[in-house]
Amino acid sequence: MIPLQDALAGEIRLPIAGFDARDDHAFPGRRAAVVHLQGCPLQCGYCETASRMGPARRAAPDEWRAMEALLATRLGEIDAVVFSGGEPTLHPDLPAAADACRALGLAVGLHTAGPYPERLEALLPRLDWVALDTKGRGADFDRISGRPGIWRRHARSLSLLLEGNTPFECRTTVHWRDFTLEELERLAMTLADCGVRRYAIQLARRERCLDPGYCEPLAEAPPREALETLVRRLRRHFEHLELRG
């Protein structure tokens, strides 16, 4: 795990890895810009943004100032900003940046895998939407993310969302090196039994996976029709279930 650091007094510092000027899928029902922050404690083989995100680093003094000014110029074209990654909760100045966005009149969303539940708990009063990246059940989460013990932290983050009032969905990226159809169904049913009502299944794209082995075709991957049949069967357990990709 990447150790957490406390926020320093003064200027907001966030290491920015990328910016999407408009993404209508990042925050349901909102016209959102997406700010990607650098660094992630996980090592998922299917990750396609690892080369762009790079390792965690200390932000330059003017990075967030420039981003805030850019967001201000887009008011009217967007009504929300989403912090994504990497893993955005890695950064101690994220609550201050969320406050700055709210001061601009923007709703604030977060994409997170939940590895730092204490950070998420502090952020929740500032958030209007959360997408929680749920990589597997229990030990499967650890295997897929390459971090032993991380599933317990994720479970605490999920509990915070279930106990709170912030709208959220769980998302699972599926690469068939990590899942069988039966394992995916067990994960989905576990989430439904916990009280999750919005769920998205996202198919991994092989073009730029972190692990080169994940870029290769998999002969034993189930046919698309079998996955779609599973999704139809699962829909009755959720208020909203979407297959993406």
Protein backbone atom coordinates (compact mmCIF):
# COMPACT_ATOMS: atom_id res chain seq x y z
CA MET A 1 0.00 0.00 0.00
CA ILE A 2 1.10 3.56 -0.67
CA PRO A 3 1.27 5.30 2.73
CA LEU A 4 -1.15 8.13 3.35
CA GLN A 5 0.08 11.63 4.03
CA ASP A 6 -1.74 14.40 5.85
CA ALA A 7 -2.81 17.49 3.97
CA LEU A 8 -0.53 20.48 4.39
CA ALA A 9 -1.89 23.89 5.23
CA GLY A 10 -2.09 26.38 2.38
CA GLU A 11 -2.40 25.82 -1.33
CA ILE A 12 -4.26 22.80 -2.69
CA ARG A 13 -1.90 20.32 -4.32
CA LEU A 14 -3.13 17.52 -6.55
CA PRO A 15 -1.01 15.61 -9.09
CA ILE A 16 -3.11 15.74 -12.25
CA ALA A 17 -2.60 13.00 -14.82
CA GLY A 18 -5.35 13.86 -17.28
CA PHE A 19 -8.54 15.78 -17.98
CA ASP A 20 -11.68 14.89 -19.94
CA ALA A 21 -13.51 18.09 -20.83
CA ARG A 22 -16.88 16.31 -21.06
CA ASP A 23 -17.96 12.78 -20.18
CA ASP A 24 -21.70 12.20 -19.98
CA HIS A 25 -21.22 8.67 -18.59
CA ALA A 26 -18.96 9.52 -15.66
CA PHE A 27 -21.78 10.91 -13.50
CA PRO A 28 -25.31 9.73 -14.41
CA GLY A 29 -27.61 12.58 -15.33
CA ARG A 30 -24.86 15.20 -15.25
CA ARG A 31 -22.66 16.94 -17.80
CA ALA A 32 -19.35 16.20 -16.11
CA ALA A 33 -15.70 16.96 -16.62
CA VAL A 34 -13.33 14.31 -15.30
CA VAL A 35 -10.09 15.09 -13.48
CA HIS A 36 -7.73 12.10 -13.38
CA LEU A 37 -5.29 12.07 -10.47
CA GLN A 38 -1.96 10.31 -10.58
CA GLY A 39 -1.00 7.28 -8.55
CA CYS A 40 -2.76 4.07 -7.48
CA PRO A 41 -1.97 1.51 -4.76
CA LEU A 42 -3.46 -1.35 -6.81
CA GLN A 43 -1.94 -3.42 -9.61
CA CYS A 44 -4.84 -4.76 -11.63
CA GLY A 45 -3.63 -6.68 -14.69
CA TYR A 46 -6.43 -5.32 -16.90
CA CYS A 47 -5.69 -1.66 -16.04
CA GLU A 48 -5.40 0.36 -19.25
CA THR A 49 -4.58 3.71 -17.65
CA ALA A 50 -1.47 2.68 -15.71
CA SER A 51 0.95 4.08 -18.29
CA ARG A 52 -0.90 7.40 -18.34
CA MET A 53 -1.34 7.62 -14.56
CA GLY A 54 2.25 6.84 -13.64
CA PRO A 55 3.45 6.48 -10.04
CA ALA A 56 2.23 8.65 -7.18
CA ARG A 57 4.12 11.92 -6.93
CA ARG A 58 4.09 15.25 -5.14
CA ALA A 59 2.03 17.80 -7.05
CA ALA A 60 3.50 21.00 -8.41
CA PRO A 61 2.22 24.13 -6.62
CA ASP A 62 0.21 25.44 -9.57
CA GLU A 63 -1.38 22.23 -10.89
CA TRP A 64 -4.71 22.51 -9.11
CA ARG A 65 -4.86 26.29 -9.51
CA ALA A 66 -4.67 25.85 -13.28
CA MET A 67 -7.28 23.09 -13.25
CA GLU A 68 -9.69 25.13 -11.13
CA ALA A 69 -9.33 28.03 -13.55
CA LEU A 70 -10.05 25.70 -16.47
CA LEU A 71 -13.17 24.34 -14.78
CA ALA A 72 -14.37 27.89 -14.18
CA THR A 73 -14.19 28.62 -17.92
CA ARG A 74 -16.46 25.64 -18.63
CA LEU A 75 -19.34 26.64 -16.36
CA GLY A 76 -22.52 26.38 -18.38
CA GLU A 77 -21.08 23.55 -20.49
CA ILE A 78 -20.66 21.28 -17.46
CA ASP A 79 -22.53 21.07 -14.18
CA ALA A 80 -20.33 18.53 -12.40
CA VAL A 81 -16.75 17.39 -11.95
CA VAL A 82 -15.67 13.82 -11.25
CA PHE A 83 -12.38 12.93 -9.59
CA SER A 84 -11.02 9.69 -10.99
CA GLY A 85 -7.65 8.01 -11.17
CA GLY A 86 -5.56 6.22 -10.51
CA GLU A 87 -7.01 6.29 -7.04
CA PRO A 88 -8.10 9.83 -6.10
CA THR A 89 -8.53 9.18 -2.37
CA LEU A 90 -4.78 8.66 -2.19
CA HIS A 91 -4.38 12.44 -2.10
CA PRO A 92 -4.94 14.39 1.16
CA ASP A 93 -5.94 17.64 -0.56
CA LEU A 94 -8.90 16.06 -2.36
CA PRO A 95 -11.53 17.33 0.16
CA ALA A 96 -10.31 20.90 -0.30
CA ALA A 97 -10.48 20.50 -4.08
CA ALA A 98 -14.03 19.12 -3.78
CA ASP A 99 -14.96 22.17 -1.71
CA ALA A 100 -13.47 24.44 -4.37
CA CYS A 101 -15.57 22.76 -7.06
CA ARG A 102 -18.71 23.10 -4.99
CA ALA A 103 -17.92 26.79 -4.54
CA LEU A 104 -18.02 27.06 -8.35
CA GLY A 105 -21.53 25.60 -8.29
CA LEU A 106 -20.46 22.18 -9.58
CA ALA A 107 -21.71 18.85 -8.27
CA VAL A 108 -18.85 16.53 -7.28
CA GLY A 109 -18.47 12.85 -8.13
CA LEU A 110 -15.80 10.31 -7.23
CA HIS A 111 -14.53 7.12 -8.83
CA THR A 112 -12.73 4.97 -6.25
CA ALA A 113 -11.85 1.38 -5.42
CA GLY A 114 -12.29 2.18 -1.73
CA PRO A 115 -8.78 1.34 -0.45
CA TYR A 116 -8.82 4.24 2.05
CA PRO A 117 -12.20 4.15 3.84
CA GLU A 118 -11.11 6.81 6.32
CA ARG A 119 -10.52 9.21 3.44
CA LEU A 120 -13.84 8.29 1.84
CA GLU A 121 -15.67 8.93 5.11
CA ALA A 122 -14.27 12.47 5.25
CA LEU A 123 -15.20 13.06 1.60
CA LEU A 124 -18.76 11.78 1.62
CA PRO A 125 -20.39 15.00 2.92
CA ARG A 126 -18.83 16.77 -0.08
CA LEU A 127 -19.92 14.24 -2.71
CA ASP A 128 -23.03 13.97 -4.87
CA TRP A 129 -22.15 10.66 -6.55
CA VAL A 130 -19.73 7.75 -6.04
CA ALA A 131 -18.78 4.92 -8.38
CA LEU A 132 -17.20 2.16 -6.29
CA ASP A 133 -14.92 -0.17 -8.25
CA THR A 134 -15.70 -3.65 -6.86
CA LYS A 135 -13.11 -6.02 -8.23
CA GLY A 136 -14.21 -9.32 -6.70
CA ARG A 137 -15.44 -11.16 -3.63
CA GLY A 138 -13.14 -11.33 -0.62
CA ALA A 139 -9.83 -12.93 -1.50
CA ASP A 140 -10.66 -12.61 -5.22
CA PHE A 141 -10.49 -8.82 -4.79
CA ASP A 142 -6.97 -9.17 -3.40
CA ARG A 143 -5.91 -11.50 -6.23
CA ILE A 144 -7.28 -9.28 -8.99
CA SER A 145 -5.90 -6.06 -7.49
CA GLY A 146 -2.53 -7.55 -6.54
CA ARG A 147 -2.79 -6.26 -2.94
CA PRO A 148 -3.28 -8.70 -0.03
CA GLY A 149 -5.87 -7.59 2.50
CA ILE A 150 -7.28 -4.76 0.41
CA TRP A 151 -10.74 -6.33 0.19
CA ARG A 152 -11.39 -5.56 3.86
CA ARG A 153 -10.75 -1.87 3.24
CA HIS A 154 -13.04 -1.96 0.23
CA ALA A 155 -15.74 -3.68 2.30
CA ARG A 156 -15.57 -0.87 4.86
CA SER A 157 -15.94 1.70 2.08
CA LEU A 158 -18.97 -0.16 0.74
CA SER A 159 -20.47 -0.19 4.24
CA LEU A 160 -20.04 3.59 4.48
CA LEU A 161 -21.94 4.03 1.23
CA LEU A 162 -24.69 1.61 2.20
CA GLU A 163 -25.13 3.37 5.54
CA GLY A 164 -25.02 6.88 4.07
CA ASN A 165 -27.18 9.00 1.80
CA THR A 166 -24.80 9.63 -1.11
CA PRO A 167 -26.08 8.05 -4.36
CA PHE A 168 -23.67 5.42 -5.64
CA GLU A 169 -23.18 2.46 -7.91
CA CYS A 170 -20.81 -0.47 -7.78
CA ARG A 171 -18.83 -1.25 -10.91
CA THR A 172 -16.92 -4.40 -11.83
CA THR A 173 -14.46 -4.57 -14.71
CA VAL A 174 -14.48 -8.11 -16.05
CA HIS A 175 -11.51 -9.72 -17.73
CA TRP A 176 -12.04 -13.42 -18.32
CA ARG A 177 -8.58 -14.19 -16.93
CA ASP A 178 -10.00 -13.07 -13.58
CA PHE A 179 -13.59 -14.35 -13.72
CA THR A 180 -15.82 -17.17 -14.79
CA LEU A 181 -19.50 -16.49 -15.41
CA GLU A 182 -20.31 -18.31 -12.18
CA GLU A 183 -17.90 -16.15 -10.18
CA LEU A 184 -19.34 -12.99 -11.69
CA GLU A 185 -22.84 -14.10 -10.77
CA ARG A 186 -21.76 -14.84 -7.18
CA LEU A 187 -20.22 -11.39 -6.90
CA ALA A 188 -23.33 -9.69 -8.28
CA MET A 189 -25.63 -11.62 -5.95
CA THR A 190 -23.40 -10.82 -2.97
CA LEU A 191 -23.70 -7.12 -3.77
CA ALA A 192 -27.46 -7.38 -4.22
CA ASP A 193 -27.77 -9.19 -0.88
CA CYS A 194 -25.75 -6.41 0.77
CA GLY A 195 -28.23 -3.82 -0.48
CA VAL A 196 -26.50 -2.48 -3.60
CA ARG A 197 -29.18 -1.27 -6.02
CA ARG A 198 -27.12 0.11 -8.93
CA TYR A 199 -24.52 -2.10 -10.57
CA ALA A 200 -22.49 -1.89 -13.77
CA ILE A 201 -20.52 -4.69 -15.41
CA GLN A 202 -17.74 -3.32 -17.62
CA LEU A 203 -15.83 -5.50 -20.05
CA ALA A 204 -12.08 -4.95 -19.96
CA ARG A 205 -10.45 -3.70 -23.13
CA ARG A 206 -7.33 -5.64 -24.08
CA GLU A 207 -5.50 -2.98 -26.08
CA ARG A 208 -3.36 -1.42 -23.34
CA CYS A 209 -3.54 -3.67 -20.29
CA LEU A 210 -0.91 -3.24 -17.58
CA ASP A 211 -0.06 -6.96 -17.72
CA PRO A 212 0.90 -7.96 -21.30
CA GLY A 213 -0.70 -11.35 -20.71
CA TYR A 214 -4.08 -9.64 -20.37
CA CYS A 215 -3.74 -8.26 -23.89
CA GLU A 216 -3.90 -11.74 -25.42
CA PRO A 217 -7.16 -13.36 -26.54
CA LEU A 218 -8.50 -15.99 -24.13
CA ALA A 219 -9.81 -19.14 -25.78
CA GLU A 220 -11.99 -20.10 -22.81
CA ALA A 221 -13.75 -16.73 -22.56
CA PRO A 222 -17.54 -17.23 -22.53
CA PRO A 223 -19.49 -16.05 -25.56
CA ARG A 224 -21.11 -12.64 -25.42
CA GLU A 225 -24.55 -14.27 -25.56
CA ALA A 226 -23.89 -16.15 -22.31
CA LEU A 227 -22.90 -12.92 -20.55
CA GLU A 228 -25.99 -11.12 -21.84
CA THR A 229 -28.17 -13.98 -20.59
CA LEU A 230 -26.57 -13.69 -17.16
CA VAL A 231 -27.14 -9.92 -17.10
CA ARG A 232 -30.82 -10.37 -17.96
CA ARG A 233 -31.15 -12.87 -15.13
CA LEU A 234 -29.44 -10.55 -12.67
CA ARG A 235 -31.50 -7.47 -13.52
CA ARG A 236 -34.38 -8.47 -11.30
CA HIS A 237 -32.09 -8.14 -8.27
CA PHE A 238 -31.12 -4.51 -8.92
CA GLU A 239 -32.96 -1.27 -9.56
CA HIS A 240 -30.44 -0.58 -12.34
CA LEU A 241 -27.98 -2.99 -13.92
CA GLU A 242 -25.99 -2.04 -16.98
CA LEU A 243 -23.58 -3.95 -19.22
CA ARG A 244 -20.91 -1.67 -20.67
CA GLY A 245 -18.45 -2.53 -23.39
